[in-house]
């Protein structure tokens, strides 16, 4: 059955009851949970909203793995024009650590819950004007099973968690490629990106330029839990299959949210605010039926 939790101006839902319970199992022999999410445009609210909601509602801390730029001494992205995340969110407040394989494995081995965004910077800095809204940009499964062997080594349960809503809140003027093509300014962006810390080899930290619009409602959906029990972390074929299964489940959850939110009468800010004002801000406007 489908069950729903709402709060914080967003709608949270779980595809199965087990997906709700999975991160809450606090017994000594419970496996850790690895949440795998999709980055929305700019990505700076994805981790904090999810971590705070689960902590408030369930009392369980999720350790997020964030891009190293979020922990730089300046706290600012090297070419931040809007969004970006630098300086807007203190990720350490939410228990986040810089993303790398060693940190992920260490968290899971301690039986702590973790949150990972495999799409990284490429996914957060996608071109919504180029038709890339809510697309995943993961490494090819044939080249890298990425998180799958690490999750299998820790016997973790993987829970995909989809998010939509952020990308309609920005009107993109120039995407990353167009920013780099600008005379003079593009070269400076290229140099700044080359000196930025990286979360994944070969990535390009170039922020698209957007004009903020009216924010839309955020929706989150927890997918069906995926066990890694029986997956040999040294078996490349098995890890690739696990990786592909997680990706397919996450894409399915994203598609589901994009379809179902069309039936939410309070999707837009103004009708939602009007309804909640009429209730003296004592409750949140309901979303679509699951």
C-alpha atoms as a PDB file:
ATOM      1  CA  UNK A   1       0.000   0.000   0.000  1.00  0.00           C
ATOM      2  CA  UNK A   2       1.020   3.626  -0.409  1.00  0.00           C
ATOM      3  CA  UNK A   3       1.393   5.803   2.648  1.00  0.00           C
ATOM      4  CA  UNK A   4       2.122   9.505   2.867  1.00  0.00           C
ATOM      5  CA  UNK A   5       3.829  11.891   5.240  1.00  0.00           C
ATOM      6  CA  UNK A   6       3.530  15.635   4.733  1.00  0.00           C
ATOM      7  CA  UNK A   7       5.397  18.535   6.262  1.00  0.00           C
ATOM      8  CA  UNK A   8       7.733  21.451   5.759  1.00  0.00           C
ATOM      9  CA  UNK A   9       5.956  22.813   2.692  1.00  0.00           C
ATOM     10  CA  UNK A  10       6.679  19.614   0.782  1.00  0.00           C
ATOM     11  CA  UNK A  11       4.862  16.361   0.207  1.00  0.00           C
ATOM     12  CA  UNK A  12       6.652  13.181   1.282  1.00  0.00           C
ATOM     13  CA  UNK A  13       5.410   9.753   0.259  1.00  0.00           C
ATOM     14  CA  UNK A  14       6.565   6.133   0.317  1.00  0.00           C
ATOM     15  CA  UNK A  15       5.903   3.519  -2.327  1.00  0.00           C
ATOM     16  CA  UNK A  16       5.616   0.763   0.247  1.00  0.00           C
ATOM     17  CA  UNK A  17       5.165   0.590   3.988  1.00  0.00           C
ATOM     18  CA  UNK A  18       8.580  -1.070   4.189  1.00  0.00           C
ATOM     19  CA  UNK A  19      10.163   1.991   2.625  1.00  0.00           C
ATOM     20  CA  UNK A  20       8.831   4.062   5.504  1.00  0.00           C
ATOM     21  CA  UNK A  21       9.983   1.614   8.128  1.00  0.00           C
ATOM     22  CA  UNK A  22      13.347   0.729   6.620  1.00  0.00           C
ATOM     23  CA  UNK A  23      15.269   3.793   7.874  1.00  0.00           C
ATOM     24  CA  UNK A  24      13.660   3.477  11.285  1.00  0.00           C
ATOM     25  CA  UNK A  25      14.923   0.056  12.257  1.00  0.00           C
ATOM     26  CA  UNK A  26      17.220   0.858  15.142  1.00  0.00           C
ATOM     27  CA  UNK A  27      17.918  -2.676  16.390  1.00  0.00           C
ATOM     28  CA  UNK A  28      21.548  -3.735  16.699  1.00  0.00           C
ATOM     29  CA  UNK A  29      21.289  -6.225  13.852  1.00  0.00           C
ATOM     30  CA  UNK A  30      19.440  -3.944  11.423  1.00  0.00           C
ATOM     31  CA  UNK A  31      21.362  -3.200   8.206  1.00  0.00           C
ATOM     32  CA  UNK A  32      22.174   0.422   7.406  1.00  0.00           C
ATOM     33  CA  UNK A  33      20.067   2.222   4.829  1.00  0.00           C
ATOM     34  CA  UNK A  34      21.591   3.936   1.809  1.00  0.00           C
ATOM     35  CA  UNK A  35      19.193   6.477   0.334  1.00  0.00           C
ATOM     36  CA  UNK A  36      19.884   7.174  -3.334  1.00  0.00           C
ATOM     37  CA  UNK A  37      18.433  10.421  -4.670  1.00  0.00           C
ATOM     38  CA  UNK A  38      18.243  12.579  -7.762  1.00  0.00           C
ATOM     39  CA  UNK A  39      19.611  16.101  -7.783  1.00  0.00           C
ATOM     40  CA  UNK A  40      17.177  18.806  -8.776  1.00  0.00           C
ATOM     41  CA  UNK A  41      18.452  21.975 -10.443  1.00  0.00           C
ATOM     42  CA  UNK A  42      21.303  23.502  -8.355  1.00  0.00           C
ATOM     43  CA  UNK A  43      20.746  20.810  -5.734  1.00  0.00           C
ATOM     44  CA  UNK A  44      21.311  22.955  -2.666  1.00  0.00           C
ATOM     45  CA  UNK A  45      17.970  22.089  -1.008  1.00  0.00           C
ATOM     46  CA  UNK A  46      17.790  18.389  -1.876  1.00  0.00           C
ATOM     47  CA  UNK A  47      19.844  17.124   1.040  1.00  0.00           C
ATOM     48  CA  UNK A  48      18.707  19.507   3.828  1.00  0.00           C
ATOM     49  CA  UNK A  49      14.968  19.121   3.173  1.00  0.00           C
ATOM     50  CA  UNK A  50      15.134  15.341   3.154  1.00  0.00           C
ATOM     51  CA  UNK A  51      17.461  14.991   6.135  1.00  0.00           C
ATOM     52  CA  UNK A  52      15.477  17.446   8.270  1.00  0.00           C
ATOM     53  CA  UNK A  53      12.118  15.857   7.449  1.00  0.00           C
ATOM     54  CA  UNK A  54      13.215  12.336   8.342  1.00  0.00           C
ATOM     55  CA  UNK A  55      14.908  13.578  11.508  1.00  0.00           C
ATOM     56  CA  UNK A  56      11.842  15.527  12.651  1.00  0.00           C
ATOM     57  CA  UNK A  57       9.291  12.878  11.743  1.00  0.00           C
ATOM     58  CA  UNK A  58      11.180   9.717  12.644  1.00  0.00           C
ATOM     59  CA  UNK A  59      14.060  10.760  14.873  1.00  0.00           C
ATOM     60  CA  UNK A  60      16.581   9.160  12.538  1.00  0.00           C
ATOM     61  CA  UNK A  61      19.633  11.017  11.251  1.00  0.00           C
ATOM     62  CA  UNK A  62      20.693  10.483   7.649  1.00  0.00           C
ATOM     63  CA  UNK A  63      24.333  11.296   6.909  1.00  0.00           C
ATOM     64  CA  UNK A  64      24.398  13.069   3.577  1.00  0.00           C
ATOM     65  CA  UNK A  65      27.401  13.018   1.250  1.00  0.00           C
ATOM     66  CA  UNK A  66      27.810  16.443  -0.317  1.00  0.00           C
ATOM     67  CA  UNK A  67      30.152  17.969  -2.874  1.00  0.00           C
ATOM     68  CA  UNK A  68      33.486  19.133  -1.376  1.00  0.00           C
ATOM     69  CA  UNK A  69      32.756  22.721  -2.448  1.00  0.00           C
ATOM     70  CA  UNK A  70      30.051  22.802   0.245  1.00  0.00           C
ATOM     71  CA  UNK A  71      32.793  22.486   2.866  1.00  0.00           C
ATOM     72  CA  UNK A  72      35.244  25.006   1.383  1.00  0.00           C
ATOM     73  CA  UNK A  73      36.536  27.669   3.751  1.00  0.00           C
ATOM     74  CA  UNK A  74      34.857  30.435   1.792  1.00  0.00           C
ATOM     75  CA  UNK A  75      31.571  28.556   1.585  1.00  0.00           C
ATOM     76  CA  UNK A  76      31.019  29.925  -1.922  1.00  0.00           C
ATOM     77  CA  UNK A  77      31.064  28.259  -5.297  1.00  0.00           C
ATOM     78  CA  UNK A  78      33.877  29.510  -7.567  1.00  0.00           C
ATOM     79  CA  UNK A  79      31.480  30.812 -10.219  1.00  0.00           C
ATOM     80  CA  UNK A  80      28.194  31.091  -8.342  1.00  0.00           C
ATOM     81  CA  UNK A  81      25.723  33.235 -10.270  1.00  0.00           C
ATOM     82  CA  UNK A  82      22.551  31.949  -8.630  1.00  0.00           C
ATOM     83  CA  UNK A  83      21.559  28.895  -6.665  1.00  0.00           C
ATOM     84  CA  UNK A  84      24.796  26.976  -6.385  1.00  0.00           C
ATOM     85  CA  UNK A  85      24.429  26.250  -2.723  1.00  0.00           C
ATOM     86  CA  UNK A  86      27.602  27.981  -1.597  1.00  0.00           C
ATOM     87  CA  UNK A  87      26.888  30.095   1.449  1.00  0.00           C
ATOM     88  CA  UNK A  88      23.141  29.322   1.388  1.00  0.00           C
ATOM     89  CA  UNK A  89      23.194  26.108   3.397  1.00  0.00           C
ATOM     90  CA  UNK A  90      25.585  24.901   6.079  1.00  0.00           C
ATOM     91  CA  UNK A  91      25.640  21.221   5.153  1.00  0.00           C
ATOM     92  CA  UNK A  92      27.604  20.258   8.250  1.00  0.00           C
ATOM     93  CA  UNK A  93      24.581  21.302  10.310  1.00  0.00           C
ATOM     94  CA  UNK A  94      22.769  18.382   8.716  1.00  0.00           C
ATOM     95  CA  UNK A  95      25.548  15.899   9.490  1.00  0.00           C
ATOM     96  CA  UNK A  96      26.865  15.874   5.930  1.00  0.00           C
ATOM     97  CA  UNK A  97      30.410  14.901   4.973  1.00  0.00           C
ATOM     98  CA  UNK A  98      32.395  15.406   1.745  1.00  0.00           C
ATOM     99  CA  UNK A  99      31.496  12.757  -0.795  1.00  0.00           C
ATOM    100  CA  UNK A 100      34.028  10.010  -1.462  1.00  0.00           C
ATOM    101  CA  UNK A 101      33.913   6.199  -1.434  1.00  0.00           C
ATOM    102  CA  UNK A 102      35.836   5.879   1.842  1.00  0.00           C
ATOM    103  CA  UNK A 103      33.407   8.158   3.719  1.00  0.00           C
ATOM    104  CA  UNK A 104      30.387   6.301   2.369  1.00  0.00           C
ATOM    105  CA  UNK A 105      31.752   2.902   3.352  1.00  0.00           C
ATOM    106  CA  UNK A 106      32.770   4.155   6.793  1.00  0.00           C
ATOM    107  CA  UNK A 107      29.263   5.506   7.460  1.00  0.00           C
ATOM    108  CA  UNK A 108      27.582   2.305   6.343  1.00  0.00           C
ATOM    109  CA  UNK A 109      30.015   0.099   8.279  1.00  0.00           C
ATOM    110  CA  UNK A 110      29.044   2.035  11.403  1.00  0.00           C
ATOM    111  CA  UNK A 111      25.420   1.104  10.609  1.00  0.00           C
ATOM    112  CA  UNK A 112      24.490   4.727  10.057  1.00  0.00           C
ATOM    113  CA  UNK A 113      22.071   5.770   7.338  1.00  0.00           C
ATOM    114  CA  UNK A 114      23.529   7.621   4.342  1.00  0.00           C
ATOM    115  CA  UNK A 115      22.209   9.763   1.501  1.00  0.00           C
ATOM    116  CA  UNK A 116      23.995   9.844  -1.860  1.00  0.00           C
ATOM    117  CA  UNK A 117      23.358  11.642  -5.143  1.00  0.00           C
ATOM    118  CA  UNK A 118      25.221   9.662  -7.847  1.00  0.00           C
ATOM    119  CA  UNK A 119      24.483  12.297 -10.515  1.00  0.00           C
ATOM    120  CA  UNK A 120      26.643  14.843  -8.725  1.00  0.00           C
ATOM    121  CA  UNK A 121      27.443  18.212 -10.254  1.00  0.00           C
ATOM    122  CA  UNK A 122      26.409  17.220 -13.784  1.00  0.00           C
ATOM    123  CA  UNK A 123      22.906  16.446 -12.559  1.00  0.00           C
ATOM    124  CA  UNK A 124      22.617  19.538 -10.360  1.00  0.00           C
ATOM    125  CA  UNK A 125      23.814  21.835 -13.150  1.00  0.00           C
ATOM    126  CA  UNK A 126      21.722  20.296 -15.919  1.00  0.00           C
ATOM    127  CA  UNK A 127      20.251  22.365 -18.735  1.00  0.00           C
ATOM    128  CA  UNK A 128      16.530  22.659 -18.080  1.00  0.00           C
ATOM    129  CA  UNK A 129      16.264  24.875 -21.156  1.00  0.00           C
ATOM    130  CA  UNK A 130      17.871  22.038 -23.110  1.00  0.00           C
ATOM    131  CA  UNK A 131      15.256  19.452 -22.130  1.00  0.00           C
ATOM    132  CA  UNK A 132      17.212  17.891 -19.260  1.00  0.00           C
ATOM    133  CA  UNK A 133      14.712  18.582 -16.477  1.00  0.00           C
ATOM    134  CA  UNK A 134      14.618  15.730 -13.933  1.00  0.00           C
ATOM    135  CA  UNK A 135      17.011  13.596 -15.967  1.00  0.00           C
ATOM    136  CA  UNK A 136      19.565  11.389 -14.230  1.00  0.00           C
ATOM    137  CA  UNK A 137      23.227  11.762 -15.146  1.00  0.00           C
ATOM    138  CA  UNK A 138      24.847   8.768 -13.524  1.00  0.00           C
ATOM    139  CA  UNK A 139      28.086   7.106 -14.649  1.00  0.00           C
ATOM    140  CA  UNK A 140      27.425   4.351 -17.152  1.00  0.00           C
ATOM    141  CA  UNK A 141      26.795   1.036 -15.415  1.00  0.00           C
ATOM    142  CA  UNK A 142      29.156  -0.711 -17.827  1.00  0.00           C
ATOM    143  CA  UNK A 143      32.014   1.533 -16.697  1.00  0.00           C
ATOM    144  CA  UNK A 144      31.272   1.803 -12.991  1.00  0.00           C
ATOM    145  CA  UNK A 145      28.811   0.237 -10.584  1.00  0.00           C
ATOM    146  CA  UNK A 146      29.611   3.214  -8.350  1.00  0.00           C
ATOM    147  CA  UNK A 147      27.870   2.837  -4.967  1.00  0.00           C
ATOM    148  CA  UNK A 148      26.705  -0.756  -5.514  1.00  0.00           C
ATOM    149  CA  UNK A 149      29.853  -2.622  -4.332  1.00  0.00           C
ATOM    150  CA  UNK A 150      30.130  -0.371  -1.274  1.00  0.00           C
ATOM    151  CA  UNK A 151      26.496  -0.956  -0.325  1.00  0.00           C
ATOM    152  CA  UNK A 152      26.969  -4.695  -0.779  1.00  0.00           C
ATOM    153  CA  UNK A 153      30.093  -4.707   1.422  1.00  0.00           C
ATOM    154  CA  UNK A 154      28.059  -3.140   4.233  1.00  0.00           C
ATOM    155  CA  UNK A 155      24.986  -5.302   3.533  1.00  0.00           C
ATOM    156  CA  UNK A 156      23.002  -2.053   3.267  1.00  0.00           C
ATOM    157  CA  UNK A 157      19.387  -1.728   2.228  1.00  0.00           C
ATOM    158  CA  UNK A 158      19.078   0.749  -0.644  1.00  0.00           C
ATOM    159  CA  UNK A 159      16.048   3.047  -0.743  1.00  0.00           C
ATOM    160  CA  UNK A 160      15.668   5.262  -3.841  1.00  0.00           C
ATOM    161  CA  UNK A 161      14.134   8.655  -3.051  1.00  0.00           C
ATOM    162  CA  UNK A 162      12.841  10.855  -5.867  1.00  0.00           C
ATOM    163  CA  UNK A 163      12.398  14.625  -5.700  1.00  0.00           C
ATOM    164  CA  UNK A 164      10.636  17.027  -8.059  1.00  0.00           C
ATOM    165  CA  UNK A 165       9.504  20.635  -7.835  1.00  0.00           C
ATOM    166  CA  UNK A 166      12.676  22.733  -7.707  1.00  0.00           C
ATOM    167  CA  UNK A 167      13.288  23.050 -11.413  1.00  0.00           C
ATOM    168  CA  UNK A 168      10.091  24.986 -12.094  1.00  0.00           C
ATOM    169  CA  UNK A 169      11.248  27.640  -9.636  1.00  0.00           C
ATOM    170  CA  UNK A 170      14.015  28.869 -11.930  1.00  0.00           C
ATOM    171  CA  UNK A 171      13.891  30.369 -15.408  1.00  0.00           C
ATOM    172  CA  UNK A 172      17.212  29.401 -16.970  1.00  0.00           C
ATOM    173  CA  UNK A 173      18.787  32.127 -19.055  1.00  0.00           C
ATOM    174  CA  UNK A 174      22.150  30.505 -19.841  1.00  0.00           C
ATOM    175  CA  UNK A 175      23.097  26.883 -19.271  1.00  0.00           C
ATOM    176  CA  UNK A 176      26.628  25.779 -18.396  1.00  0.00           C
ATOM    177  CA  UNK A 177      27.715  25.398 -22.019  1.00  0.00           C
ATOM    178  CA  UNK A 178      26.405  28.856 -22.878  1.00  0.00           C
ATOM    179  CA  UNK A 179      28.141  30.330 -19.832  1.00  0.00           C
ATOM    180  CA  UNK A 180      31.452  28.908 -21.018  1.00  0.00           C
ATOM    181  CA  UNK A 181      30.851  30.304 -24.515  1.00  0.00           C
ATOM    182  CA  UNK A 182      30.602  33.896 -23.252  1.00  0.00           C
ATOM    183  CA  UNK A 183      33.434  36.187 -24.393  1.00  0.00           C
ATOM    184  CA  UNK A 184      36.021  36.802 -21.666  1.00  0.00           C
ATOM    185  CA  UNK A 185      33.696  35.744 -18.823  1.00  0.00           C
ATOM    186  CA  UNK A 186      33.537  32.174 -20.112  1.00  0.00           C
ATOM    187  CA  UNK A 187      37.310  31.795 -19.910  1.00  0.00           C
ATOM    188  CA  UNK A 188      37.319  33.028 -16.330  1.00  0.00           C
ATOM    189  CA  UNK A 189      34.617  30.504 -15.450  1.00  0.00           C
ATOM    190  CA  UNK A 190      36.680  27.751 -17.047  1.00  0.00           C
ATOM    191  CA  UNK A 191      39.731  28.703 -14.988  1.00  0.00           C
ATOM    192  CA  UNK A 192      37.700  28.881 -11.767  1.00  0.00           C
ATOM    193  CA  UNK A 193      36.131  25.489 -12.442  1.00  0.00           C
ATOM    194  CA  UNK A 194      39.561  23.963 -13.033  1.00  0.00           C
ATOM    195  CA  UNK A 195      40.687  25.053  -9.571  1.00  0.00           C
ATOM    196  CA  UNK A 196      37.538  23.921  -7.747  1.00  0.00           C
ATOM    197  CA  UNK A 197      37.579  20.747  -5.620  1.00  0.00           C
ATOM    198  CA  UNK A 198      35.945  17.788  -7.345  1.00  0.00           C
ATOM    199  CA  UNK A 199      33.505  15.196  -6.117  1.00  0.00           C
ATOM    200  CA  UNK A 200      33.927  12.973  -9.160  1.00  0.00           C
ATOM    201  CA  UNK A 201      36.801  12.798 -11.693  1.00  0.00           C
ATOM    202  CA  UNK A 202      36.175  14.760 -14.868  1.00  0.00           C
ATOM    203  CA  UNK A 203      33.303  16.850 -13.550  1.00  0.00           C
ATOM    204  CA  UNK A 204      32.824  20.495 -14.516  1.00  0.00           C
ATOM    205  CA  UNK A 205      31.717  22.905 -11.790  1.00  0.00           C
ATOM    206  CA  UNK A 206      30.069  25.587 -13.927  1.00  0.00           C
ATOM    207  CA  UNK A 207      26.817  27.024 -12.620  1.00  0.00           C
ATOM    208  CA  UNK A 208      24.015  27.856 -15.068  1.00  0.00           C
ATOM    209  CA  UNK A 209      22.534  31.333 -14.805  1.00  0.00           C
ATOM    210  CA  UNK A 210      18.847  31.474 -13.922  1.00  0.00           C
ATOM    211  CA  UNK A 211      16.284  34.013 -12.797  1.00  0.00           C
ATOM    212  CA  UNK A 212      14.271  32.834  -9.797  1.00  0.00           C
ATOM    213  CA  UNK A 213      10.520  32.501 -10.306  1.00  0.00           C
ATOM    214  CA  UNK A 214       7.652  31.624  -8.003  1.00  0.00           C
ATOM    215  CA  UNK A 215       8.643  28.501  -6.066  1.00  0.00           C
ATOM    216  CA  UNK A 216       6.599  25.390  -6.667  1.00  0.00           C
ATOM    217  CA  UNK A 217       5.815  22.656  -4.221  1.00  0.00           C
ATOM    218  CA  UNK A 218       8.495  20.023  -3.672  1.00  0.00           C
ATOM    219  CA  UNK A 219       7.507  16.360  -3.761  1.00  0.00           C
ATOM    220  CA  UNK A 220       9.529  13.434  -2.428  1.00  0.00           C
ATOM    221  CA  UNK A 221       8.800   9.753  -2.961  1.00  0.00           C
ATOM    222  CA  UNK A 222      10.584   6.889  -1.203  1.00  0.00           C
ATOM    223  CA  UNK A 223      10.792   3.889  -3.512  1.00  0.00           C
ATOM    224  CA  UNK A 224      10.716   0.208  -2.670  1.00  0.00           C
ATOM    225  CA  UNK A 225      13.670  -0.958  -0.542  1.00  0.00           C
ATOM    226  CA  UNK A 226      16.306  -2.957  -2.418  1.00  0.00           C
ATOM    227  CA  UNK A 227      18.312  -5.485  -0.422  1.00  0.00           C
ATOM    228  CA  UNK A 228      21.984  -6.075  -1.109  1.00  0.00           C
ATOM    229  CA  UNK A 229      21.968  -9.383   0.793  1.00  0.00           C
ATOM    230  CA  UNK A 230      23.447 -12.045  -1.431  1.00  0.00           C
ATOM    231  CA  UNK A 231      25.215  -9.525  -3.700  1.00  0.00           C
ATOM    232  CA  UNK A 232      28.927 -10.293  -3.855  1.00  0.00           C
ATOM    233  CA  UNK A 233      30.731  -6.907  -3.846  1.00  0.00           C
ATOM    234  CA  UNK A 234      33.516  -8.442  -5.966  1.00  0.00           C
ATOM    235  CA  UNK A 235      31.061  -9.691  -8.610  1.00  0.00           C
ATOM    236  CA  UNK A 236      31.058  -6.951 -11.248  1.00  0.00           C
ATOM    237  CA  UNK A 237      28.034  -8.344 -13.069  1.00  0.00           C
ATOM    238  CA  UNK A 238      25.955  -8.588  -9.890  1.00  0.00           C
ATOM    239  CA  UNK A 239      26.901  -5.062  -8.811  1.00  0.00           C
ATOM    240  CA  UNK A 240      26.084  -3.690 -12.253  1.00  0.00           C
ATOM    241  CA  UNK A 241      22.674  -5.360 -12.087  1.00  0.00           C
ATOM    242  CA  UNK A 242      22.062  -3.859  -8.625  1.00  0.00           C
ATOM    243  CA  UNK A 243      23.119  -0.417  -9.846  1.00  0.00           C
ATOM    244  CA  UNK A 244      20.749  -0.651 -12.821  1.00  0.00           C
ATOM    245  CA  UNK A 245      17.872  -1.817 -10.634  1.00  0.00           C
ATOM    246  CA  UNK A 246      18.277   1.154  -8.303  1.00  0.00           C
ATOM    247  CA  UNK A 247      18.423   3.576 -11.212  1.00  0.00           C
ATOM    248  CA  UNK A 248      15.303   2.115 -12.819  1.00  0.00           C
ATOM    249  CA  UNK A 249      13.367   2.344  -9.542  1.00  0.00           C
ATOM    250  CA  UNK A 250      14.430   5.968  -9.022  1.00  0.00           C
ATOM    251  CA  UNK A 251      13.461   6.940 -12.572  1.00  0.00           C
ATOM    252  CA  UNK A 252      10.091   5.255 -12.083  1.00  0.00           C
ATOM    253  CA  UNK A 253       9.510   7.244  -8.871  1.00  0.00           C
ATOM    254  CA  UNK A 254      10.408  10.521 -10.613  1.00  0.00           C
ATOM    255  CA  UNK A 255       7.985   9.773 -13.452  1.00  0.00           C
ATOM    256  CA  UNK A 256       5.281   8.909 -10.934  1.00  0.00           C
ATOM    257  CA  UNK A 257       5.675  12.222  -9.106  1.00  0.00           C
ATOM    258  CA  UNK A 258       5.692  14.239 -12.323  1.00  0.00           C
ATOM    259  CA  UNK A 259       2.423  12.593 -13.361  1.00  0.00           C
ATOM    260  CA  UNK A 260       0.646  12.693 -10.007  1.00  0.00           C
ATOM    261  CA  UNK A 261       1.486  16.302  -9.123  1.00  0.00           C
ATOM    262  CA  UNK A 262      -0.674  17.420 -12.053  1.00  0.00           C
ATOM    263  CA  UNK A 263      -3.648  16.457  -9.866  1.00  0.00           C
ATOM    264  CA  UNK A 264      -2.514  18.500  -6.877  1.00  0.00           C
ATOM    265  CA  UNK A 265      -4.796  21.565  -6.611  1.00  0.00           C
ATOM    266  CA  UNK A 266      -2.254  23.195  -4.283  1.00  0.00           C
ATOM    267  CA  UNK A 267       0.813  22.649  -6.427  1.00  0.00           C
ATOM    268  CA  UNK A 268       1.262  26.389  -7.083  1.00  0.00           C
ATOM    269  CA  UNK A 269       2.299  28.766  -4.334  1.00  0.00           C
ATOM    270  CA  UNK A 270      -0.656  31.180  -4.360  1.00  0.00           C
ATOM    271  CA  UNK A 271      -3.568  28.729  -3.929  1.00  0.00           C
ATOM    272  CA  UNK A 272      -1.544  26.766  -1.381  1.00  0.00           C
ATOM    273  CA  UNK A 273      -0.704  29.878   0.627  1.00  0.00           C
ATOM    274  CA  UNK A 274      -4.304  31.091   0.479  1.00  0.00           C
ATOM    275  CA  UNK A 275      -5.621  27.781   1.783  1.00  0.00           C
ATOM    276  CA  UNK A 276      -3.079  27.549   4.593  1.00  0.00           C
ATOM    277  CA  UNK A 277      -3.710  31.181   5.561  1.00  0.00           C
ATOM    278  CA  UNK A 278      -7.426  30.417   5.866  1.00  0.00           C
ATOM    279  CA  UNK A 279      -6.458  27.712   8.384  1.00  0.00           C
ATOM    280  CA  UNK A 280      -4.274  30.197  10.301  1.00  0.00           C
ATOM    281  CA  UNK A 281      -1.181  28.244   9.199  1.00  0.00           C
ATOM    282  CA  UNK A 282      -2.174  25.369  11.498  1.00  0.00           C
ATOM    283  CA  UNK A 283      -1.953  22.686   8.818  1.00  0.00           C
ATOM    284  CA  UNK A 284      -0.489  22.048   5.428  1.00  0.00           C
ATOM    285  CA  UNK A 285      -2.556  21.942   2.265  1.00  0.00           C
ATOM    286  CA  UNK A 286      -3.017  18.335   1.126  1.00  0.00           C
ATOM    287  CA  UNK A 287      -1.382  17.082  -2.051  1.00  0.00           C
ATOM    288  CA  UNK A 288      -2.575  14.453  -4.536  1.00  0.00           C
ATOM    289  CA  UNK A 289      -4.066  11.148  -3.439  1.00  0.00           C
ATOM    290  CA  UNK A 290      -1.711   8.177  -3.632  1.00  0.00           C
END
